[in-house]
PDB file of N, CA and C in Angstrom:
ATOM      1  N   LYS A   1     -29.844 -21.685   9.025  1.00  0.00           N
ATOM      2  CA  LYS A   1     -29.284 -20.391   9.378  1.00  0.00           C
ATOM      3  C   LYS A   1     -29.727 -19.359   8.349  1.00  0.00           C
ATOM      4  N   GLU A   2     -30.119 -18.197   8.838  1.00  0.00           N
ATOM      5  CA  GLU A   2     -30.625 -17.152   7.946  1.00  0.00           C
ATOM      6  C   GLU A   2     -29.479 -16.438   7.234  1.00  0.00           C
ATOM      7  N   TYR A   3     -29.684 -16.166   5.954  1.00  0.00           N
ATOM      8  CA  TYR A   3     -28.685 -15.489   5.130  1.00  0.00           C
ATOM      9  C   TYR A   3     -28.557 -14.030   5.544  1.00  0.00           C
ATOM     10  N   GLU A   4     -27.321 -13.568   5.708  1.00  0.00           N
ATOM     11  CA  GLU A   4     -27.058 -12.164   6.022  1.00  0.00           C
ATOM     12  C   GLU A   4     -27.042 -11.365   4.726  1.00  0.00           C
ATOM     13  N   SER A   5     -27.819 -10.307   4.680  1.00  0.00           N
ATOM     14  CA  SER A   5     -27.887  -9.522   3.454  1.00  0.00           C
ATOM     15  C   SER A   5     -27.140  -8.200   3.554  1.00  0.00           C
ATOM     16  N   SER A   6     -26.527  -7.923   4.706  1.00  0.00           N
ATOM     17  CA  SER A   6     -25.741  -6.698   4.829  1.00  0.00           C
ATOM     18  C   SER A   6     -24.614  -6.894   5.834  1.00  0.00           C
ATOM     19  N   ALA A   7     -23.561  -6.121   5.627  1.00  0.00           N
ATOM     20  CA  ALA A   7     -22.418  -6.164   6.535  1.00  0.00           C
ATOM     21  C   ALA A   7     -22.718  -5.297   7.751  1.00  0.00           C
ATOM     22  N   ARG A   8     -22.142  -5.676   8.868  1.00  0.00           N
ATOM     23  CA  ARG A   8     -22.214  -4.872  10.086  1.00  0.00           C
ATOM     24  C   ARG A   8     -20.986  -5.205  10.934  1.00  0.00           C
ATOM     25  N   ALA A   9     -20.668  -4.369  11.878  1.00  0.00           N
ATOM     26  CA  ALA A   9     -19.427  -4.507  12.643  1.00  0.00           C
ATOM     27  C   ALA A   9     -19.338  -5.823  13.410  1.00  0.00           C
ATOM     28  N   ASP A  10     -20.457  -6.371  13.857  1.00  0.00           N
ATOM     29  CA  ASP A  10     -20.399  -7.597  14.656  1.00  0.00           C
ATOM     30  C   ASP A  10     -20.618  -8.875  13.837  1.00  0.00           C
ATOM     31  N   LEU A  11     -20.657  -8.758  12.516  1.00  0.00           N
ATOM     32  CA  LEU A  11     -20.835  -9.933  11.657  1.00  0.00           C
ATOM     33  C   LEU A  11     -19.526 -10.714  11.579  1.00  0.00           C
ATOM     34  N   ILE A  12     -19.554 -11.974  11.923  1.00  0.00           N
ATOM     35  CA  ILE A  12     -18.368 -12.832  11.858  1.00  0.00           C
ATOM     36  C   ILE A  12     -18.337 -13.500  10.492  1.00  0.00           C
ATOM     37  N   CYS A  13     -17.217 -13.330   9.792  1.00  0.00           N
ATOM     38  CA  CYS A  13     -17.052 -13.904   8.455  1.00  0.00           C
ATOM     39  C   CYS A  13     -15.841 -14.821   8.435  1.00  0.00           C
ATOM     40  N   TYR A  14     -15.906 -15.841   7.611  1.00  0.00           N
ATOM     41  CA  TYR A  14     -14.799 -16.767   7.403  1.00  0.00           C
ATOM     42  C   TYR A  14     -14.394 -16.707   5.943  1.00  0.00           C
ATOM     43  N   LEU A  15     -13.101 -16.816   5.707  1.00  0.00           N
ATOM     44  CA  LEU A  15     -12.602 -16.929   4.337  1.00  0.00           C
ATOM     45  C   LEU A  15     -12.481 -18.403   4.013  1.00  0.00           C
ATOM     46  N   GLU A  16     -12.990 -18.802   2.883  1.00  0.00           N
ATOM     47  CA  GLU A  16     -12.956 -20.210   2.486  1.00  0.00           C
ATOM     48  C   GLU A  16     -12.821 -20.285   0.975  1.00  0.00           C
ATOM     49  N   MET A  17     -12.512 -21.467   0.488  1.00  0.00           N
ATOM     50  CA  MET A  17     -12.367 -21.691  -0.948  1.00  0.00           C
ATOM     51  C   MET A  17     -13.725 -21.534  -1.642  1.00  0.00           C
ATOM     52  N   TYR A  18     -13.669 -21.198  -2.927  1.00  0.00           N
ATOM     53  CA  TYR A  18     -14.885 -21.111  -3.725  1.00  0.00           C
ATOM     54  C   TYR A  18     -15.544 -22.484  -3.812  1.00  0.00           C
ATOM     55  N   PRO A  19     -16.860 -22.524  -3.943  1.00  0.00           N
ATOM     56  CA  PRO A  19     -17.505 -23.816  -4.182  1.00  0.00           C
ATOM     57  C   PRO A  19     -17.091 -24.345  -5.556  1.00  0.00           C
ATOM     58  N   VAL A  20     -17.052 -25.652  -5.670  1.00  0.00           N
ATOM     59  CA  VAL A  20     -16.797 -26.270  -6.973  1.00  0.00           C
ATOM     60  C   VAL A  20     -18.136 -26.699  -7.548  1.00  0.00           C
ATOM     61  N   ILE A  21     -18.200 -26.780  -8.850  1.00  0.00           N
ATOM     62  CA  ILE A  21     -19.433 -27.194  -9.526  1.00  0.00           C
ATOM     63  C   ILE A  21     -19.339 -28.680  -9.827  1.00  0.00           C
ATOM     64  N   SER A  22     -20.330 -29.424  -9.361  1.00  0.00           N
ATOM     65  CA  SER A  22     -20.354 -30.870  -9.574  1.00  0.00           C
ATOM     66  C   SER A  22     -20.802 -31.193 -10.993  1.00  0.00           C
ATOM     67  N   ASP A  23     -20.734 -32.460 -11.346  1.00  0.00           N
ATOM     68  CA  ASP A  23     -21.203 -32.906 -12.660  1.00  0.00           C
ATOM     69  C   ASP A  23     -22.696 -32.643 -12.853  1.00  0.00           C
ATOM     70  N   ASP A  24     -23.429 -32.511 -11.731  1.00  0.00           N
ATOM     71  CA  ASP A  24     -24.867 -32.222 -11.782  1.00  0.00           C
ATOM     72  C   ASP A  24     -25.159 -30.723 -11.740  1.00  0.00           C
ATOM     73  N   ASP A  25     -24.121 -29.904 -11.910  1.00  0.00           N
ATOM     74  CA  ASP A  25     -24.230 -28.440 -11.864  1.00  0.00           C
ATOM     75  C   ASP A  25     -24.648 -27.903 -10.498  1.00  0.00           C
ATOM     76  N   ASP A  26     -24.314 -28.633  -9.436  1.00  0.00           N
ATOM     77  CA  ASP A  26     -24.566 -28.167  -8.076  1.00  0.00           C
ATOM     78  C   ASP A  26     -23.295 -27.535  -7.525  1.00  0.00           C
ATOM     79  N   GLU A  27     -23.462 -26.495  -6.697  1.00  0.00           N
ATOM     80  CA  GLU A  27     -22.318 -25.914  -6.012  1.00  0.00           C
ATOM     81  C   GLU A  27     -21.987 -26.788  -4.812  1.00  0.00           C
ATOM     82  N   VAL A  28     -20.744 -27.218  -4.725  1.00  0.00           N
ATOM     83  CA  VAL A  28     -20.297 -28.051  -3.612  1.00  0.00           C
ATOM     84  C   VAL A  28     -19.325 -27.215  -2.780  1.00  0.00           C
ATOM     85  N   TYR A  29     -19.755 -26.910  -1.563  1.00  0.00           N
ATOM     86  CA  TYR A  29     -18.960 -26.069  -0.674  1.00  0.00           C
ATOM     87  C   TYR A  29     -17.983 -26.913   0.142  1.00  0.00           C
ATOM     88  N   PRO A  30     -16.914 -26.282   0.627  1.00  0.00           N
ATOM     89  CA  PRO A  30     -15.954 -27.001   1.468  1.00  0.00           C
ATOM     90  C   PRO A  30     -16.627 -27.569   2.717  1.00  0.00           C
ATOM     91  N   GLU A  31     -16.026 -28.601   3.263  1.00  0.00           N
ATOM     92  CA  GLU A  31     -16.581 -29.314   4.415  1.00  0.00           C
ATOM     93  C   GLU A  31     -16.829 -28.381   5.604  1.00  0.00           C
ATOM     94  N   PHE A  32     -15.910 -27.457   5.870  1.00  0.00           N
ATOM     95  CA  PHE A  32     -16.074 -26.522   6.988  1.00  0.00           C
ATOM     96  C   PHE A  32     -17.355 -25.704   6.838  1.00  0.00           C
ATOM     97  N   VAL A  33     -17.629 -25.258   5.641  1.00  0.00           N
ATOM     98  CA  VAL A  33     -18.827 -24.460   5.369  1.00  0.00           C
ATOM     99  C   VAL A  33     -20.079 -25.290   5.628  1.00  0.00           C
ATOM    100  N   ILE A  34     -20.088 -26.500   5.128  1.00  0.00           N
ATOM    101  CA  ILE A  34     -21.247 -27.384   5.296  1.00  0.00           C
ATOM    102  C   ILE A  34     -21.443 -27.749   6.761  1.00  0.00           C
ATOM    103  N   ASN A  35     -20.362 -28.161   7.430  1.00  0.00           N
ATOM    104  CA  ASN A  35     -20.447 -28.603   8.829  1.00  0.00           C
ATOM    105  C   ASN A  35     -20.897 -27.502   9.776  1.00  0.00           C
ATOM    106  N   ASN A  36     -20.657 -26.256   9.417  1.00  0.00           N
ATOM    107  CA  ASN A  36     -21.024 -25.136  10.280  1.00  0.00           C
ATOM    108  C   ASN A  36     -22.225 -24.352   9.760  1.00  0.00           C
ATOM    109  N   SER A  37     -22.907 -24.906   8.759  1.00  0.00           N
ATOM    110  CA  SER A  37     -24.119 -24.293   8.189  1.00  0.00           C
ATOM    111  C   SER A  37     -23.894 -22.834   7.804  1.00  0.00           C
ATOM    112  N   LEU A  38     -22.761 -22.573   7.157  1.00  0.00           N
ATOM    113  CA  LEU A  38     -22.429 -21.211   6.751  1.00  0.00           C
ATOM    114  C   LEU A  38     -23.025 -20.901   5.388  1.00  0.00           C
ATOM    115  N   GLU A  39     -23.188 -19.619   5.118  1.00  0.00           N
ATOM    116  CA  GLU A  39     -23.743 -19.139   3.854  1.00  0.00           C
ATOM    117  C   GLU A  39     -22.705 -18.274   3.158  1.00  0.00           C
ATOM    118  N   LEU A  40     -22.761 -18.235   1.839  1.00  0.00           N
ATOM    119  CA  LEU A  40     -21.892 -17.351   1.073  1.00  0.00           C
ATOM    120  C   LEU A  40     -22.359 -15.914   1.272  1.00  0.00           C
ATOM    121  N   PHE A  41     -21.447 -15.057   1.707  1.00  0.00           N
ATOM    122  CA  PHE A  41     -21.769 -13.646   1.905  1.00  0.00           C
ATOM    123  C   PHE A  41     -21.179 -12.799   0.785  1.00  0.00           C
ATOM    124  N   PHE A  42     -19.947 -13.065   0.411  1.00  0.00           N
ATOM    125  CA  PHE A  42     -19.241 -12.321  -0.631  1.00  0.00           C
ATOM    126  C   PHE A  42     -18.240 -13.259  -1.266  1.00  0.00           C
ATOM    127  N   TYR A  43     -18.048 -13.141  -2.567  1.00  0.00           N
ATOM    128  CA  TYR A  43     -16.929 -13.826  -3.205  1.00  0.00           C
ATOM    129  C   TYR A  43     -15.663 -13.063  -2.848  1.00  0.00           C
ATOM    130  N   GLY A  44     -14.586 -13.774  -2.615  1.00  0.00           N
ATOM    131  CA  GLY A  44     -13.340 -13.176  -2.151  1.00  0.00           C
ATOM    132  C   GLY A  44     -12.816 -12.058  -3.021  1.00  0.00           C
ATOM    133  N   ASP A  45     -12.836 -12.248  -4.339  1.00  0.00           N
ATOM    134  CA  ASP A  45     -12.322 -11.218  -5.244  1.00  0.00           C
ATOM    135  C   ASP A  45     -13.143  -9.934  -5.149  1.00  0.00           C
ATOM    136  N   GLN A  46     -14.455 -10.067  -5.070  1.00  0.00           N
ATOM    137  CA  GLN A  46     -15.317  -8.890  -4.947  1.00  0.00           C
ATOM    138  C   GLN A  46     -15.073  -8.186  -3.613  1.00  0.00           C
ATOM    139  N   PHE A  47     -14.952  -8.973  -2.564  1.00  0.00           N
ATOM    140  CA  PHE A  47     -14.704  -8.433  -1.226  1.00  0.00           C
ATOM    141  C   PHE A  47     -13.424  -7.600  -1.229  1.00  0.00           C
ATOM    142  N   LEU A  48     -12.355  -8.174  -1.775  1.00  0.00           N
ATOM    143  CA  LEU A  48     -11.077  -7.457  -1.846  1.00  0.00           C
ATOM    144  C   LEU A  48     -11.173  -6.214  -2.721  1.00  0.00           C
ATOM    145  N   ASP A  49     -11.882  -6.315  -3.829  1.00  0.00           N
ATOM    146  CA  ASP A  49     -12.054  -5.150  -4.706  1.00  0.00           C
ATOM    147  C   ASP A  49     -12.735  -3.999  -3.971  1.00  0.00           C
ATOM    148  N   VAL A  50     -13.749  -4.311  -3.179  1.00  0.00           N
ATOM    149  CA  VAL A  50     -14.448  -3.273  -2.421  1.00  0.00           C
ATOM    150  C   VAL A  50     -13.502  -2.653  -1.393  1.00  0.00           C
ATOM    151  N   LEU A  51     -12.755  -3.487  -0.671  1.00  0.00           N
ATOM    152  CA  LEU A  51     -11.829  -2.962   0.333  1.00  0.00           C
ATOM    153  C   LEU A  51     -10.749  -2.099  -0.310  1.00  0.00           C
ATOM    154  N   ARG A  52     -10.240  -2.537  -1.450  1.00  0.00           N
ATOM    155  CA  ARG A  52      -9.228  -1.746  -2.165  1.00  0.00           C
ATOM    156  C   ARG A  52      -9.805  -0.412  -2.639  1.00  0.00           C
ATOM    157  N   ASN A  53     -11.032  -0.452  -3.141  1.00  0.00           N
ATOM    158  CA  ASN A  53     -11.674   0.775  -3.606  1.00  0.00           C
ATOM    159  C   ASN A  53     -11.790   1.793  -2.474  1.00  0.00           C
ATOM    160  N   ILE A  54     -12.217   1.344  -1.314  1.00  0.00           N
ATOM    161  CA  ILE A  54     -12.337   2.238  -0.159  1.00  0.00           C
ATOM    162  C   ILE A  54     -10.965   2.780   0.226  1.00  0.00           C
ATOM    163  N   SER A  55      -9.964   1.913   0.231  1.00  0.00           N
ATOM    164  CA  SER A  55      -8.608   2.308   0.632  1.00  0.00           C
ATOM    165  C   SER A  55      -7.980   3.313  -0.324  1.00  0.00           C
ATOM    166  N   THR A  56      -8.363   3.275  -1.592  1.00  0.00           N
ATOM    167  CA  THR A  56      -7.816   4.248  -2.541  1.00  0.00           C
ATOM    168  C   THR A  56      -8.521   5.596  -2.435  1.00  0.00           C
ATOM    169  N   GLN A  57      -9.723   5.600  -1.894  1.00  0.00           N
ATOM    170  CA  GLN A  57     -10.473   6.851  -1.774  1.00  0.00           C
ATOM    171  C   GLN A  57     -10.171   7.609  -0.487  1.00  0.00           C
ATOM    172  N   LYS A  58      -9.748   6.877   0.537  1.00  0.00           N
ATOM    173  CA  LYS A  58      -9.555   7.487   1.845  1.00  0.00           C
ATOM    174  C   LYS A  58      -8.260   6.965   2.452  1.00  0.00           C
ATOM    175  N   GLU A  59      -7.446   7.871   2.994  1.00  0.00           N
ATOM    176  CA  GLU A  59      -6.141   7.472   3.518  1.00  0.00           C
ATOM    177  C   GLU A  59      -6.249   6.548   4.726  1.00  0.00           C
ATOM    178  N   ASN A  60      -7.108   6.855   5.655  1.00  0.00           N
ATOM    179  CA  ASN A  60      -7.297   6.026   6.848  1.00  0.00           C
ATOM    180  C   ASN A  60      -8.774   5.681   7.002  1.00  0.00           C
ATOM    181  N   PRO A  61      -9.273   4.765   6.170  1.00  0.00           N
ATOM    182  CA  PRO A  61     -10.705   4.448   6.236  1.00  0.00           C
ATOM    183  C   PRO A  61     -11.075   3.796   7.571  1.00  0.00           C
ATOM    184  N   SER A  62     -12.277   4.086   8.016  1.00  0.00           N
ATOM    185  CA  SER A  62     -12.792   3.502   9.255  1.00  0.00           C
ATOM    186  C   SER A  62     -13.529   2.202   8.949  1.00  0.00           C
ATOM    187  N   MET A  63     -13.852   1.475   9.983  1.00  0.00           N
ATOM    188  CA  MET A  63     -14.661   0.263   9.842  1.00  0.00           C
ATOM    189  C   MET A  63     -15.994   0.616   9.185  1.00  0.00           C
ATOM    190  N   GLU A  64     -16.552   1.757   9.572  1.00  0.00           N
ATOM    191  CA  GLU A  64     -17.829   2.194   9.002  1.00  0.00           C
ATOM    192  C   GLU A  64     -17.717   2.451   7.501  1.00  0.00           C
ATOM    193  N   ASP A  65     -16.559   2.974   7.056  1.00  0.00           N
ATOM    194  CA  ASP A  65     -16.338   3.190   5.622  1.00  0.00           C
ATOM    195  C   ASP A  65     -16.359   1.862   4.870  1.00  0.00           C
ATOM    196  N   PHE A  66     -15.659   0.866   5.415  1.00  0.00           N
ATOM    197  CA  PHE A  66     -15.622  -0.447   4.769  1.00  0.00           C
ATOM    198  C   PHE A  66     -17.011  -1.087   4.751  1.00  0.00           C
ATOM    199  N   ILE A  67     -17.729  -0.990   5.853  1.00  0.00           N
ATOM    200  CA  ILE A  67     -19.077  -1.561   5.925  1.00  0.00           C
ATOM    201  C   ILE A  67     -19.999  -0.868   4.926  1.00  0.00           C
ATOM    202  N   ALA A  68     -19.911   0.453   4.852  1.00  0.00           N
ATOM    203  CA  ALA A  68     -20.736   1.196   3.887  1.00  0.00           C
ATOM    204  C   ALA A  68     -20.406   0.766   2.462  1.00  0.00           C
ATOM    205  N   GLY A  69     -19.116   0.584   2.173  1.00  0.00           N
ATOM    206  CA  GLY A  69     -18.710   0.154   0.838  1.00  0.00           C
ATOM    207  C   GLY A  69     -19.205  -1.237   0.494  1.00  0.00           C
ATOM    208  N   LEU A  70     -19.116  -2.154   1.457  1.00  0.00           N
ATOM    209  CA  LEU A  70     -19.596  -3.522   1.228  1.00  0.00           C
ATOM    210  C   LEU A  70     -21.106  -3.540   1.004  1.00  0.00           C
ATOM    211  N   ASN A  71     -21.837  -2.832   1.847  1.00  0.00           N
ATOM    212  CA  ASN A  71     -23.292  -2.811   1.707  1.00  0.00           C
ATOM    213  C   ASN A  71     -23.727  -2.127   0.412  1.00  0.00           C
ATOM    214  N   PHE A  72     -23.035  -1.061   0.037  1.00  0.00           N
ATOM    215  CA  PHE A  72     -23.353  -0.386  -1.219  1.00  0.00           C
ATOM    216  C   PHE A  72     -23.155  -1.343  -2.388  1.00  0.00           C
ATOM    217  N   TYR A  73     -22.046  -2.089  -2.363  1.00  0.00           N
ATOM    218  CA  TYR A  73     -21.776  -3.036  -3.445  1.00  0.00           C
ATOM    219  C   TYR A  73     -22.845  -4.131  -3.493  1.00  0.00           C
ATOM    220  N   LEU A  74     -23.240  -4.641  -2.329  1.00  0.00           N
ATOM    221  CA  LEU A  74     -24.279  -5.677  -2.287  1.00  0.00           C
ATOM    222  C   LEU A  74     -25.591  -5.184  -2.895  1.00  0.00           C
ATOM    223  N   GLU A  75     -25.926  -3.936  -2.642  1.00  0.00           N
ATOM    224  CA  GLU A  75     -27.199  -3.385  -3.106  1.00  0.00           C
ATOM    225  C   GLU A  75     -27.157  -2.871  -4.541  1.00  0.00           C
ATOM    226  N   ASN A  76     -25.977  -2.443  -5.011  1.00  0.00           N
ATOM    227  CA  ASN A  76     -25.892  -1.751  -6.298  1.00  0.00           C
ATOM    228  C   ASN A  76     -24.965  -2.398  -7.318  1.00  0.00           C
ATOM    229  N   ASP A  77     -24.236  -3.426  -6.911  1.00  0.00           N
ATOM    230  CA  ASP A  77     -23.251  -4.065  -7.790  1.00  0.00           C
ATOM    231  C   ASP A  77     -22.314  -3.017  -8.388  1.00  0.00           C
ATOM    232  N   ASN A  78     -21.921  -2.079  -7.537  1.00  0.00           N
ATOM    233  CA  ASN A  78     -21.055  -0.983  -7.958  1.00  0.00           C
ATOM    234  C   ASN A  78     -20.318  -0.467  -6.728  1.00  0.00           C
ATOM    235  N   PHE A  79     -19.269   0.308  -6.954  1.00  0.00           N
ATOM    236  CA  PHE A  79     -18.482   0.841  -5.854  1.00  0.00           C
ATOM    237  C   PHE A  79     -19.051   2.166  -5.368  1.00  0.00           C
ATOM    238  N   ILE A  80     -18.922   2.393  -4.074  1.00  0.00           N
ATOM    239  CA  ILE A  80     -19.397   3.621  -3.453  1.00  0.00           C
ATOM    240  C   ILE A  80     -18.394   4.749  -3.698  1.00  0.00           C
ATOM    241  N   ASP A  81     -18.893   5.974  -3.778  1.00  0.00           N
ATOM    242  CA  ASP A  81     -18.044   7.167  -3.804  1.00  0.00           C
ATOM    243  C   ASP A  81     -18.102   7.787  -2.418  1.00  0.00           C
ATOM    244  N   LEU A  82     -16.954   7.837  -1.760  1.00  0.00           N
ATOM    245  CA  LEU A  82     -16.913   8.433  -0.415  1.00  0.00           C
ATOM    246  C   LEU A  82     -16.687   9.931  -0.497  1.00  0.00           C
TER     247      LEU A  82
END
């Protein structure tokens, strides 16, 4: 499955536990992730931080605002100014 490099309105995402690091320094993902050939798109804490940032800047943010914020963070490792 190809890795998604940007958010969009029709992108389906799942929330799952962080991978654990094995004794061999490999990331071991939860069984659901492996069985469904899923890829890591965002770490949960970063995802929430971006959503919170958008919500503090705009009273009623749109889906497009959240998508723009997520994509900006992916590209710049920083928060967007709306």
